[in-house]
Amino acid sequence: MRKLLKMLEERKISEEEAIKYIEQSIPYKRTWKMWRFTLYLWKRIENEKRNHHLNRVQTVLNVVMSKEYKNLYNTFPLPPFDPEKELKNLTQLIAEPRQSKEFKSKNFVYKDTNKNIPQSVIDKLR
């Protein structure tokens, strides 16, 4: 975020202009969905590193209740946060076969890096 803020400042782009551009450029539902998938995969990877073998529902619960998830949720034009609804929706969305096309290596990087998560890791953790 710091890099983004610096770039906007250097180019003299206001917060309102940046928001307008982003809203027009990216369909927010897809972006929101992909962010949720990313947070989920990051949590699964973190759990694997710590040797915590949680199932999908337990992992989704940890993700939905995280500060990171709630902060991200507040950046999108969504209804008031309902953790039970979010838990149900994300669990179903991850399990839905139609979402397989989204769970591709090119769409995900390891947290705090630019290195793509290998497809074999994504398939194992999903």
Protein backbone atom coordinates (compact mmCIF):
# COMPACT_ATOMS: atom_id res chain seq x y z
CA MET A 1 0.00 0.00 0.00
CA ARG A 2 2.86 2.38 0.73
CA LYS A 3 4.17 1.99 -2.82
CA LEU A 4 0.72 2.67 -4.20
CA LEU A 5 0.25 5.77 -2.05
CA LYS A 6 3.69 7.06 -3.07
CA MET A 7 2.92 6.53 -6.75
CA LEU A 8 -0.44 8.30 -6.46
CA GLU A 9 1.23 11.22 -4.66
CA GLU A 10 4.01 11.47 -7.27
CA ARG A 11 1.47 11.53 -10.08
CA LYS A 12 -0.81 13.94 -8.20
CA ILE A 13 -3.77 11.56 -8.36
CA SER A 14 -6.34 12.21 -5.67
CA GLU A 15 -7.88 9.48 -3.54
CA GLU A 16 -11.25 10.05 -5.23
CA GLU A 17 -9.72 9.78 -8.72
CA ALA A 18 -7.89 6.57 -7.80
CA ILE A 19 -11.03 4.99 -6.34
CA LYS A 20 -13.06 5.98 -9.38
CA TYR A 21 -10.47 4.52 -11.74
CA ILE A 22 -10.23 1.26 -9.79
CA GLU A 23 -14.00 0.88 -9.60
CA GLN A 24 -14.30 1.41 -13.35
CA SER A 25 -11.36 -0.82 -14.24
CA ILE A 26 -11.97 -3.89 -12.10
CA PRO A 27 -15.26 -5.65 -11.47
CA TYR A 28 -15.25 -5.61 -7.67
CA LYS A 29 -17.02 -8.96 -7.24
CA ARG A 30 -14.23 -10.81 -9.03
CA THR A 31 -11.62 -8.88 -7.12
CA TRP A 32 -13.34 -9.55 -3.81
CA LYS A 33 -13.66 -13.23 -4.67
CA MET A 34 -9.99 -13.50 -5.62
CA TRP A 35 -8.88 -11.70 -2.47
CA ARG A 36 -10.88 -14.14 -0.37
CA PHE A 37 -9.32 -17.07 -2.23
CA THR A 38 -5.87 -15.55 -1.69
CA LEU A 39 -6.41 -15.09 2.05
CA TYR A 40 -7.65 -18.66 2.25
CA LEU A 41 -4.60 -20.08 0.44
CA TRP A 42 -2.23 -17.99 2.53
CA LYS A 43 -3.84 -19.32 5.71
CA ARG A 44 -3.64 -22.91 4.44
CA ILE A 45 0.06 -22.44 3.63
CA GLU A 46 0.68 -20.89 7.05
CA ASN A 47 -1.11 -23.80 8.75
CA GLU A 48 0.94 -26.35 6.77
CA LYS A 49 4.19 -24.65 7.79
CA ARG A 50 3.12 -24.80 11.43
CA ASN A 51 1.99 -28.41 11.00
CA HIS A 52 -1.62 -27.45 11.86
CA HIS A 53 -3.86 -29.73 9.84
CA LEU A 54 -7.17 -27.88 9.83
CA ASN A 55 -10.00 -28.75 7.47
CA ARG A 56 -11.51 -26.31 5.00
CA VAL A 57 -14.25 -25.03 7.33
CA GLN A 58 -11.85 -24.45 10.23
CA THR A 59 -9.46 -22.59 7.95
CA VAL A 60 -12.23 -20.47 6.45
CA LEU A 61 -13.42 -19.61 9.97
CA ASN A 62 -9.91 -18.43 10.89
CA VAL A 63 -9.74 -16.37 7.69
CA VAL A 64 -13.19 -14.77 8.09
CA MET A 65 -12.52 -13.85 11.71
CA SER A 66 -9.11 -12.33 10.94
CA LYS A 67 -8.50 -8.60 11.14
CA GLU A 68 -7.06 -8.72 7.62
CA TYR A 69 -10.30 -10.15 6.20
CA LYS A 70 -12.48 -7.61 8.02
CA ASN A 71 -10.31 -4.70 6.90
CA LEU A 72 -10.43 -5.90 3.31
CA TYR A 73 -14.18 -6.46 3.56
CA ASN A 74 -14.62 -2.81 4.53
CA THR A 75 -12.86 -1.63 1.38
CA PHE A 76 -15.59 -3.05 -0.87
CA PRO A 77 -19.18 -1.81 -1.28
CA LEU A 78 -20.71 -4.74 0.57
CA PRO A 79 -23.55 -5.11 3.10
CA PRO A 80 -22.67 -4.99 6.81
CA PHE A 81 -20.25 -7.73 7.86
CA ASP A 82 -21.96 -10.96 8.97
CA PRO A 83 -19.38 -13.58 9.98
CA GLU A 84 -21.79 -16.52 9.75
CA LYS A 85 -22.85 -15.55 6.25
CA GLU A 86 -19.24 -14.98 5.19
CA LEU A 87 -18.20 -18.37 6.60
CA LYS A 88 -20.97 -20.14 4.69
CA ASN A 89 -20.42 -18.23 1.43
CA LEU A 90 -16.67 -18.62 1.32
CA THR A 91 -16.76 -22.31 2.26
CA GLN A 92 -19.27 -22.99 -0.53
CA LEU A 93 -17.41 -20.84 -3.03
CA ILE A 94 -14.11 -22.63 -2.47
CA ALA A 95 -15.76 -26.05 -2.84
CA GLU A 96 -17.74 -25.11 -5.95
CA PRO A 97 -16.37 -26.94 -9.04
CA ARG A 98 -16.98 -23.87 -11.24
CA GLN A 99 -14.29 -22.02 -9.28
CA SER A 100 -11.55 -24.43 -10.40
CA LYS A 101 -10.75 -22.08 -13.28
CA GLU A 102 -9.84 -19.39 -10.72
CA PHE A 103 -7.55 -21.60 -8.62
CA LYS A 104 -4.65 -21.37 -11.06
CA SER A 105 -1.03 -20.67 -10.18
CA LYS A 106 -0.94 -17.49 -12.29
CA ASN A 107 -3.59 -15.93 -10.00
CA PHE A 108 -1.80 -16.41 -6.67
CA VAL A 109 1.54 -15.47 -5.13
CA TYR A 110 3.03 -16.35 -1.78
CA LYS A 111 2.41 -13.76 0.90
CA ASP A 112 4.93 -10.90 0.83
CA THR A 113 6.55 -12.15 -2.40
CA ASN A 114 6.01 -12.04 -6.14
CA LYS A 115 6.56 -15.79 -6.49
CA ASN A 116 3.57 -17.70 -7.82
CA ILE A 117 2.19 -20.52 -5.72
CA PRO A 118 2.74 -23.73 -7.74
CA GLN A 119 -0.38 -25.41 -9.10
CA SER A 120 0.42 -28.62 -7.21
CA VAL A 121 0.37 -26.70 -3.91
CA ILE A 122 -2.92 -24.98 -4.79
CA ASP A 123 -4.53 -28.30 -5.75
CA LYS A 124 -3.35 -29.92 -2.51
CA LEU A 125 -4.52 -27.08 -0.24
CA ARG A 126 -7.82 -26.25 -1.86
